[in-house]
Amino acid sequence: MRILIFGLFLLTASACKLTLPGVDQVEFVEPVITPIAPGLIDEASGIVDSRSQPGNLWVEQDSGNPAELALLGYDGKLKGKIAVPNFLNTDWEELANGPGPQAGVNYLYIGDIGDNNANRGLVQIYRLPEPANLQTPITQVDRFNFRYPDGPRDAEAMFVDPATKDIYIISKREPNNTRLYRLAYPQNRDEVTVAEALGEMPSFGQGLPAYVTGAAISPDGSELIVRTYSNIFYWKRKDGQSIADALQKGTGRTIPYRLEPQGEAVCFNKEGRGYFTLSERGTAASVNLYYYAKK
């Protein structure tokens, strides 16, 4: 989604400073800021911390870009790109990682779930084993075709429960009644699936700056992040608490976030010790990679 929204950030950046009783008070420090040279990755829509190539992040870009993943170093250097063959980038809007059918393998999940005009009858998620390097072509990709039970909608937030392998999707354009969906494991590769509607989430604010643009779950599944254009919200799950219950009990508390030109990508680092953010460049001169570590 290519729109100028930075000015709207200033109206809402401090509008959602909510702290709820009982919410775990994990603290994060101010970010490490790493510049990204213009032209390398200008339309980042999803990131995950690489398990196979430590010190790097996998990055996807949204519609209008090739069906490929980029490998970006923590130092801001682009290491290269690898094609995802035989599939289109209709509107790749989220990238997640997690377990899958083969034990001990880390999988990447590409969410082709963007739908600005709410007119896609089917959307897709692609699952592939994380590439070990950039030289070996990707050959194994599973595709899950699905639709929503309540009609087409735009979404840019998705994550995979590391315990159950269920895929969760959060809608984008209803900040006052954001909707949560699930594709339960094992996901069907052969037939169209109707996503399970799990209900609405608490309000993230008003208008465009409160649109949900990304989400992430910690490696152990105990922490959740949902980002909008203007804030990042954090939840700590209780023992035995379902993801739906955690996200629907109340709006998470805001955690540090430097306003970005068009921020969409967020992920925990592979140890769960902090989180990265990355923005589309939009009309900005350049973007930065931010890393917020736990205190």
Protein backbone atom coordinates (compact mmCIF):
# COMPACT_ATOMS: atom_id res chain seq x y z
CA MET A 1 0.00 0.00 0.00
CA ARG A 2 1.71 3.19 -1.18
CA ILE A 3 0.36 6.26 0.60
CA LEU A 4 1.79 9.28 2.37
CA ILE A 5 0.98 8.88 6.03
CA PHE A 6 3.84 10.41 8.01
CA GLY A 7 1.92 13.58 8.78
CA LEU A 8 -0.93 11.58 10.24
CA PHE A 9 1.52 9.82 12.57
CA LEU A 10 2.12 13.05 14.42
CA LEU A 11 -1.54 13.29 15.30
CA THR A 12 -1.73 9.86 16.86
CA ALA A 13 1.73 8.77 17.97
CA SER A 14 0.90 9.37 21.62
CA ALA A 15 -2.83 8.74 21.47
CA CYS A 16 -2.74 5.10 22.59
CA LYS A 17 -0.50 4.98 25.64
CA LEU A 18 -2.44 2.26 27.41
CA THR A 19 -1.16 0.09 30.23
CA LEU A 20 -3.56 -2.49 31.57
CA PRO A 21 -3.53 -4.09 35.01
CA GLY A 22 -1.74 -7.40 35.01
CA VAL A 23 0.13 -6.82 31.75
CA ASP A 24 3.73 -8.04 32.04
CA GLN A 25 6.06 -5.07 32.29
CA VAL A 26 8.88 -6.22 30.04
CA GLU A 27 10.89 -3.15 29.09
CA PHE A 28 12.74 -2.35 25.87
CA VAL A 29 15.58 0.09 25.32
CA GLU A 30 15.84 2.77 22.66
CA PRO A 31 16.67 1.26 19.28
CA VAL A 32 19.89 0.53 17.49
CA ILE A 33 19.47 2.39 14.19
CA THR A 34 21.00 1.03 10.99
CA PRO A 35 20.57 3.00 7.73
CA ILE A 36 19.49 1.16 4.59
CA ALA A 37 20.75 2.58 1.30
CA PRO A 38 17.92 3.78 -0.98
CA GLY A 39 17.05 1.39 -3.76
CA LEU A 40 18.02 -1.81 -1.94
CA ILE A 41 14.71 -2.61 -0.24
CA ASP A 42 12.22 0.21 -0.69
CA GLU A 43 8.94 -1.62 -0.14
CA ALA A 44 9.52 -3.94 2.81
CA SER A 45 6.27 -5.48 3.99
CA GLY A 46 7.53 -8.36 6.15
CA ILE A 47 10.69 -9.52 7.93
CA VAL A 48 11.85 -12.52 9.94
CA ASP A 49 15.13 -13.21 11.70
CA SER A 50 17.03 -15.92 9.83
CA ARG A 51 17.78 -19.15 11.67
CA SER A 52 19.92 -20.65 8.91
CA GLN A 53 22.06 -17.56 8.34
CA PRO A 54 22.65 -15.82 11.68
CA GLY A 55 23.06 -12.07 11.64
CA ASN A 56 20.61 -11.66 8.76
CA LEU A 57 16.94 -11.02 8.16
CA TRP A 58 14.68 -12.32 5.42
CA VAL A 59 12.66 -9.51 3.86
CA GLU A 60 9.75 -9.57 1.44
CA GLN A 61 8.42 -6.69 -0.63
CA ASP A 62 4.82 -6.17 -1.66
CA SER A 63 2.89 -5.93 -4.94
CA GLY A 64 4.78 -4.75 -8.00
CA ASN A 65 7.93 -6.58 -6.95
CA PRO A 66 9.18 -9.99 -8.08
CA ALA A 67 8.29 -13.15 -6.17
CA GLU A 68 11.53 -13.26 -4.21
CA LEU A 69 13.00 -12.95 -0.74
CA ALA A 70 15.88 -10.65 0.14
CA LEU A 71 18.55 -11.39 2.74
CA LEU A 72 19.44 -8.26 4.70
CA GLY A 73 22.26 -8.15 7.22
CA TYR A 74 21.92 -6.62 10.65
CA ASP A 75 24.50 -4.16 9.30
CA GLY A 76 22.05 -2.92 6.67
CA LYS A 77 23.86 -4.55 3.77
CA LEU A 78 21.88 -6.49 1.18
CA LYS A 79 23.41 -9.95 0.88
CA GLY A 80 21.31 -11.01 -2.10
CA LYS A 81 17.91 -12.25 -3.21
CA ILE A 82 16.40 -15.64 -3.97
CA ALA A 83 13.41 -16.34 -6.22
CA VAL A 84 10.27 -18.13 -5.06
CA PRO A 85 9.48 -20.00 -8.29
CA ASN A 86 6.11 -20.61 -9.96
CA PHE A 87 4.14 -18.16 -7.84
CA LEU A 88 3.11 -14.53 -8.26
CA ASN A 89 3.53 -11.66 -5.86
CA THR A 90 -0.05 -10.46 -6.05
CA ASP A 91 0.29 -8.51 -2.81
CA TRP A 92 2.77 -10.05 -0.38
CA GLU A 93 2.13 -8.23 2.88
CA GLU A 94 3.52 -10.41 5.66
CA LEU A 95 6.37 -12.81 6.33
CA ALA A 96 6.46 -15.19 9.29
CA ASN A 97 8.45 -18.18 10.40
CA GLY A 98 7.67 -21.23 12.47
CA PRO A 99 7.43 -25.01 12.50
CA GLY A 100 5.77 -27.09 9.83
CA PRO A 101 5.28 -30.68 8.75
CA GLN A 102 8.90 -31.79 9.11
CA ALA A 103 10.26 -31.84 12.66
CA GLY A 104 13.30 -29.69 13.28
CA VAL A 105 12.84 -27.60 10.12
CA ASN A 106 12.22 -23.85 10.29
CA TYR A 107 9.67 -22.77 7.69
CA LEU A 108 8.99 -19.37 6.16
CA TYR A 109 5.37 -18.36 5.58
CA ILE A 110 4.65 -15.73 2.93
CA GLY A 111 1.30 -14.00 3.33
CA ASP A 112 -0.12 -12.98 -0.06
CA ILE A 113 -3.01 -11.45 1.85
CA GLY A 114 -3.07 -7.80 0.79
CA ASP A 115 -6.38 -6.68 -0.69
CA ASN A 116 -6.63 -2.89 -0.77
CA ASN A 117 -9.97 -2.93 -2.58
CA ALA A 118 -11.43 -5.97 -0.79
CA ASN A 119 -12.12 -7.76 -4.07
CA ARG A 120 -9.97 -10.90 -3.90
CA GLY A 121 -12.19 -13.95 -3.58
CA LEU A 122 -9.18 -16.05 -2.60
CA VAL A 123 -5.90 -15.15 -0.93
CA GLN A 124 -2.82 -17.30 -0.41
CA ILE A 125 -0.16 -18.26 2.08
CA TYR A 126 3.03 -19.94 0.85
CA ARG A 127 5.12 -22.18 3.10
CA LEU A 128 8.70 -23.21 2.35
CA PRO A 129 11.66 -24.54 4.32
CA GLU A 130 13.97 -21.66 5.17
CA PRO A 131 16.72 -21.53 2.53
CA ALA A 132 20.13 -22.58 3.81
CA ASN A 133 21.84 -20.16 1.43
CA LEU A 134 21.19 -17.92 -1.56
CA GLN A 135 22.82 -20.23 -4.09
CA THR A 136 20.53 -23.28 -3.83
CA PRO A 137 17.22 -22.68 -5.66
CA ILE A 138 13.95 -22.99 -3.76
CA THR A 139 12.12 -26.10 -4.98
CA GLN A 140 9.60 -26.97 -2.26
CA VAL A 141 6.70 -24.55 -1.74
CA ASP A 142 3.24 -25.36 -0.37
CA ARG A 143 0.33 -23.08 -1.25
CA PHE A 144 -2.75 -22.63 0.92
CA ASN A 145 -5.73 -20.99 -0.81
CA PHE A 146 -8.28 -19.58 1.58
CA ARG A 147 -11.08 -17.09 1.98
CA TYR A 148 -12.71 -15.36 4.91
CA PRO A 149 -16.15 -16.41 6.18
CA ASP A 150 -17.35 -12.79 6.22
CA GLY A 151 -16.15 -11.67 2.79
CA PRO A 152 -12.92 -10.31 1.29
CA ARG A 153 -10.80 -8.00 3.40
CA ASP A 154 -7.37 -6.44 3.47
CA ALA A 155 -4.78 -7.92 5.83
CA GLU A 156 -1.08 -7.34 6.47
CA ALA A 157 -0.51 -9.13 9.79
CA MET A 158 0.12 -12.86 10.19
CA PHE A 159 2.06 -15.17 12.50
CA VAL A 160 2.43 -18.89 13.24
CA ASP A 161 1.91 -20.36 16.71
CA PRO A 162 5.15 -22.27 17.42
CA ALA A 163 3.28 -24.77 19.62
CA THR A 164 0.30 -25.66 17.41
CA LYS A 165 1.50 -24.59 13.91
CA ASP A 166 -1.80 -22.72 13.48
CA ILE A 167 -1.63 -19.61 11.28
CA TYR A 168 -3.26 -16.41 12.57
CA ILE A 169 -4.27 -13.45 10.40
CA ILE A 170 -5.34 -10.01 11.61
CA SER A 171 -7.38 -7.68 9.40
CA LYS A 172 -6.06 -4.23 8.59
CA ARG A 173 -8.71 -1.62 7.87
CA GLU A 174 -11.06 -1.86 10.86
CA PRO A 175 -9.11 -0.25 13.72
CA ASN A 176 -12.21 -0.14 15.92
CA ASN A 177 -13.20 -3.75 15.24
CA THR A 178 -10.07 -5.46 13.95
CA ARG A 179 -10.77 -9.12 13.21
CA LEU A 180 -8.75 -12.20 14.08
CA TYR A 181 -8.76 -15.37 11.97
CA ARG A 182 -7.10 -18.78 12.12
CA LEU A 183 -6.03 -21.48 9.69
CA ALA A 184 -5.62 -24.53 11.91
CA TYR A 185 -2.84 -27.04 11.32
CA PRO A 186 -2.59 -29.09 9.17
CA GLN A 187 -3.43 -26.52 6.51
CA ASN A 188 -5.00 -27.90 3.33
CA ARG A 189 -2.83 -27.74 0.20
CA ASP A 190 -5.45 -29.24 -2.11
CA GLU A 191 -8.71 -27.43 -1.42
CA VAL A 192 -9.86 -23.92 -0.61
CA THR A 193 -10.11 -23.38 3.14
CA VAL A 194 -12.51 -21.05 4.92
CA ALA A 195 -10.56 -19.30 7.67
CA GLU A 196 -12.01 -19.59 11.15
CA ALA A 197 -13.27 -16.27 12.50
CA LEU A 198 -12.18 -15.87 16.12
CA GLY A 199 -13.87 -12.53 16.79
CA GLU A 200 -12.85 -8.93 17.14
CA MET A 201 -9.90 -7.33 18.91
CA PRO A 202 -9.99 -4.16 21.01
CA SER A 203 -9.64 -0.81 19.27
CA PHE A 204 -6.18 0.29 18.16
CA GLY A 205 -7.26 3.91 17.71
CA GLN A 206 -8.91 5.96 15.01
CA GLY A 207 -8.41 6.16 11.27
CA LEU A 208 -5.50 5.34 9.00
CA PRO A 209 -2.68 5.58 11.59
CA ALA A 210 -4.39 2.78 13.57
CA TYR A 211 -4.52 0.33 10.66
CA VAL A 212 -2.81 -2.96 11.57
CA THR A 213 0.23 -3.50 9.33
CA GLY A 214 2.17 -6.33 10.96
CA ALA A 215 2.37 -8.84 13.80
CA ALA A 216 4.85 -11.26 15.35
CA ILE A 217 5.06 -13.95 18.01
CA SER A 218 8.14 -14.71 20.08
CA PRO A 219 10.01 -17.98 19.45
CA ASP A 220 8.57 -19.56 22.61
CA GLY A 221 5.06 -18.29 21.87
CA SER A 222 4.76 -16.32 25.11
CA GLU A 223 4.87 -12.80 23.66
CA LEU A 224 2.89 -11.12 20.91
CA ILE A 225 3.39 -7.89 18.99
CA VAL A 226 0.92 -6.09 16.73
CA ARG A 227 2.00 -2.96 14.92
CA THR A 228 0.05 -0.16 13.30
CA TYR A 229 1.37 2.78 11.34
CA SER A 230 1.69 4.78 14.55
CA ASN A 231 2.28 2.34 17.44
CA ILE A 232 3.49 -1.10 18.46
CA PHE A 233 1.42 -3.05 20.99
CA TYR A 234 2.72 -5.84 23.22
CA TRP A 235 1.07 -8.76 25.04
CA LYS A 236 2.52 -11.33 27.44
CA ARG A 237 0.50 -14.55 27.42
CA LYS A 238 -0.33 -16.33 30.66
CA ASP A 239 0.43 -20.03 30.99
CA GLY A 240 -2.21 -21.99 29.11
CA GLN A 241 -3.81 -18.88 27.64
CA SER A 242 -4.93 -19.13 24.03
CA ILE A 243 -3.72 -16.60 21.50
CA ALA A 244 -7.27 -15.43 20.83
CA ASP A 245 -7.91 -14.90 24.54
CA ALA A 246 -4.68 -12.96 24.98
CA LEU A 247 -5.35 -10.63 22.05
CA GLN A 248 -9.02 -10.09 22.83
CA LYS A 249 -8.83 -9.41 26.59
CA GLY A 250 -7.61 -5.87 26.05
CA THR A 251 -5.38 -3.64 23.97
CA GLY A 252 -1.75 -4.44 24.63
CA ARG A 253 0.51 -1.80 26.07
CA THR A 254 2.56 0.36 23.75
CA ILE A 255 6.29 -0.26 23.56
CA PRO A 256 9.06 1.87 22.00
CA TYR A 257 8.65 2.77 18.36
CA ARG A 258 10.40 5.39 16.24
CA LEU A 259 7.93 6.67 13.69
CA GLU A 260 8.68 5.39 10.20
CA PRO A 261 7.58 6.66 6.77
CA GLN A 262 5.23 3.71 6.23
CA GLY A 263 6.01 1.07 8.81
CA GLU A 264 4.74 -2.42 8.07
CA ALA A 265 7.40 -5.01 8.97
CA VAL A 266 8.10 -6.29 12.49
CA CYS A 267 9.60 -9.45 13.98
CA PHE A 268 11.18 -10.77 17.16
CA ASN A 269 14.82 -11.73 16.98
CA LYS A 270 15.45 -15.46 16.99
CA GLU A 271 16.22 -15.57 20.73
CA GLY A 272 13.18 -13.45 21.65
CA ARG A 273 15.42 -10.79 23.20
CA GLY A 274 14.08 -7.88 21.17
CA TYR A 275 12.31 -6.89 17.98
CA PHE A 276 13.15 -5.40 14.59
CA THR A 277 11.12 -2.95 12.52
CA LEU A 278 11.50 -1.87 8.90
CA SER A 279 9.43 0.49 6.76
CA GLU A 280 8.51 1.03 3.18
CA ARG A 281 10.37 4.07 1.90
CA GLY A 282 7.39 5.81 0.29
CA THR A 283 8.39 9.41 -0.37
CA ALA A 284 11.15 9.42 2.26
CA ALA A 285 14.78 9.77 1.22
CA SER A 286 15.70 6.49 2.91
CA VAL A 287 14.71 4.09 5.69
CA ASN A 288 16.40 2.56 8.73
CA LEU A 289 16.42 -0.88 10.27
CA TYR A 290 15.55 -0.54 13.96
CA TYR A 291 16.31 -3.07 16.68
CA TYR A 292 14.79 -2.67 20.16
CA ALA A 293 16.44 -4.93 22.74
CA LYS A 294 14.98 -5.94 26.08
CA LYS A 295 16.49 -4.30 29.14
